Protein backbone atom coordinates (compact mmCIF):
# COMPACT_ATOMS: atom_id res chain seq x y z
CA MET A 1 20.76 -6.75 -17.22
CA SER A 2 22.90 -6.83 -13.74
CA ALA A 3 20.89 -7.46 -10.43
CA THR A 4 22.20 -3.54 -9.34
CA SER A 5 20.45 -2.15 -12.50
CA THR A 6 17.25 -4.40 -11.87
CA ASP A 7 16.88 -3.28 -8.10
CA ALA A 8 17.46 0.51 -9.27
CA THR A 9 15.00 0.22 -11.63
CA GLN A 10 12.48 -1.64 -9.21
CA GLN A 11 13.34 1.25 -6.57
CA ASP A 12 12.68 4.11 -9.43
CA ARG A 13 9.30 2.21 -9.88
CA LEU A 14 8.29 2.03 -6.38
CA ALA A 15 9.37 5.78 -5.91
CA ALA A 16 7.24 6.60 -9.02
CA ILE A 17 4.31 5.05 -7.05
CA ALA A 18 5.06 6.75 -3.95
CA ARG A 19 4.83 10.11 -5.25
CA ARG A 20 1.78 9.21 -7.13
CA VAL A 21 -0.29 7.91 -3.83
CA CYS A 22 1.11 10.30 -1.49
CA TRP A 23 2.14 13.59 -3.21
CA ARG A 24 2.66 15.55 -0.28
CA GLU A 25 5.92 14.31 0.85
CA PRO A 26 9.27 12.90 -0.60
CA ALA A 27 9.14 9.46 -2.13
CA GLU A 28 11.90 8.37 0.17
CA THR A 29 9.86 9.29 3.15
CA THR A 30 6.81 7.29 2.01
CA LEU A 31 8.72 4.37 1.06
CA ALA A 32 10.24 4.39 4.59
CA HIS A 33 6.90 3.32 6.08
CA THR A 34 6.05 0.29 4.30
CA PRO A 35 2.46 -0.68 5.62
CA LEU A 36 1.14 2.99 5.39
CA PHE A 37 2.74 2.77 1.61
CA LEU A 38 0.99 -0.64 0.73
CA CYS A 39 -2.21 0.69 2.08
CA ARG A 40 -1.98 3.95 -0.01
CA VAL A 41 -1.48 1.66 -2.89
CA MET A 42 -4.27 -0.61 -2.21
CA ALA A 43 -6.64 2.68 -1.83
CA LEU A 44 -5.09 4.90 -4.78
CA GLY A 45 -2.93 2.83 -6.66
CA MET A 46 -3.42 1.89 -10.42
CA TRP A 47 -3.73 -1.77 -11.14
CA ASP A 48 0.14 -1.47 -12.56
CA ASP A 49 1.29 -0.01 -9.26
CA VAL A 50 -0.52 -2.91 -7.30
CA CYS A 51 1.25 -5.53 -9.27
CA ILE A 52 4.73 -3.85 -8.81
CA ALA A 53 4.02 -3.64 -5.20
CA LEU A 54 2.72 -7.25 -4.95
CA ASP A 55 5.77 -8.55 -6.78
CA HIS A 56 8.12 -6.54 -4.58
CA TYR A 57 6.84 -7.16 -1.10
CA GLY A 58 4.58 -9.99 -1.57
CA ARG A 59 0.98 -10.82 -0.26
CA GLU A 60 1.93 -11.20 3.14
CA ALA A 61 3.29 -7.44 3.49
CA PHE A 62 -0.21 -6.41 1.99
CA ARG A 63 -1.76 -8.53 4.22
CA GLU A 64 -0.17 -7.28 7.47
CA ALA A 65 -0.61 -3.69 6.05
CA LEU A 66 -4.50 -4.31 5.78
CA ARG A 67 -4.47 -5.78 9.35
CA ALA A 68 -2.58 -2.52 10.65
CA ALA A 69 -4.36 -0.02 8.03
CA PRO A 70 -4.79 3.45 10.07
CA PRO A 71 -8.32 5.08 10.05
CA GLY A 72 -8.85 7.33 6.91
CA VAL A 73 -6.31 5.97 4.56
CA ILE A 74 -8.68 3.13 2.94
CA ASP A 75 -11.85 3.70 1.83
CA VAL A 76 -14.75 1.15 2.30
CA ARG A 77 -15.12 -0.28 -1.32
CA SER A 78 -11.26 -0.81 -1.28
CA TRP A 79 -11.41 -2.34 2.25
CA HIS A 80 -14.00 -4.83 0.94
CA TYR A 81 -11.93 -5.36 -2.25
CA TRP A 82 -8.51 -6.26 -0.42
CA HIS A 83 -9.68 -8.45 2.32
CA HIS A 84 -11.38 -10.70 -0.25
CA ARG A 85 -8.47 -10.32 -2.74
CA LEU A 86 -5.85 -11.35 0.18
CA GLN A 87 -8.12 -13.95 1.80
CA VAL A 88 -8.14 -11.68 5.14
CA LEU A 89 -11.50 -13.23 6.32
CA PRO A 90 -14.12 -12.22 8.17
CA ILE A 91 -13.73 -8.62 7.22
CA PRO A 92 -13.19 -6.36 10.29
CA GLU A 93 -14.95 -3.05 10.63
CA LEU A 94 -13.37 -0.07 8.85
CA PRO A 95 -10.92 1.50 11.47
CA ARG A 96 -12.45 4.69 12.30
CA ARG A 97 -11.19 8.04 13.35
CA ILE A 98 -11.92 8.89 16.94
CA ILE A 99 -12.42 12.57 17.46
CA PRO A 100 -12.35 13.91 20.93
CA ALA A 101 -15.48 15.64 22.23
């Protein structure tokens, strides 16, 4: 298998994951915002999705995405799990939405 077909296969896999974790927008749009895509994978992805994304982007990209996670994307359980899994300690408070009064 050539490198080009391997890259195409990897991109097809990532696009399938993007459609699964963010079904309301095209996969290309989801993949264009890597940190947000990785946050969605951490919160909604299946284990195979996580493995594919980790292999492609690496642990440091996941750590950076976790540090910059926007409010409302990652649930409490995933927040704690990923901080321990990626050794981003101590665990900060979960980002919260601020609703103006």
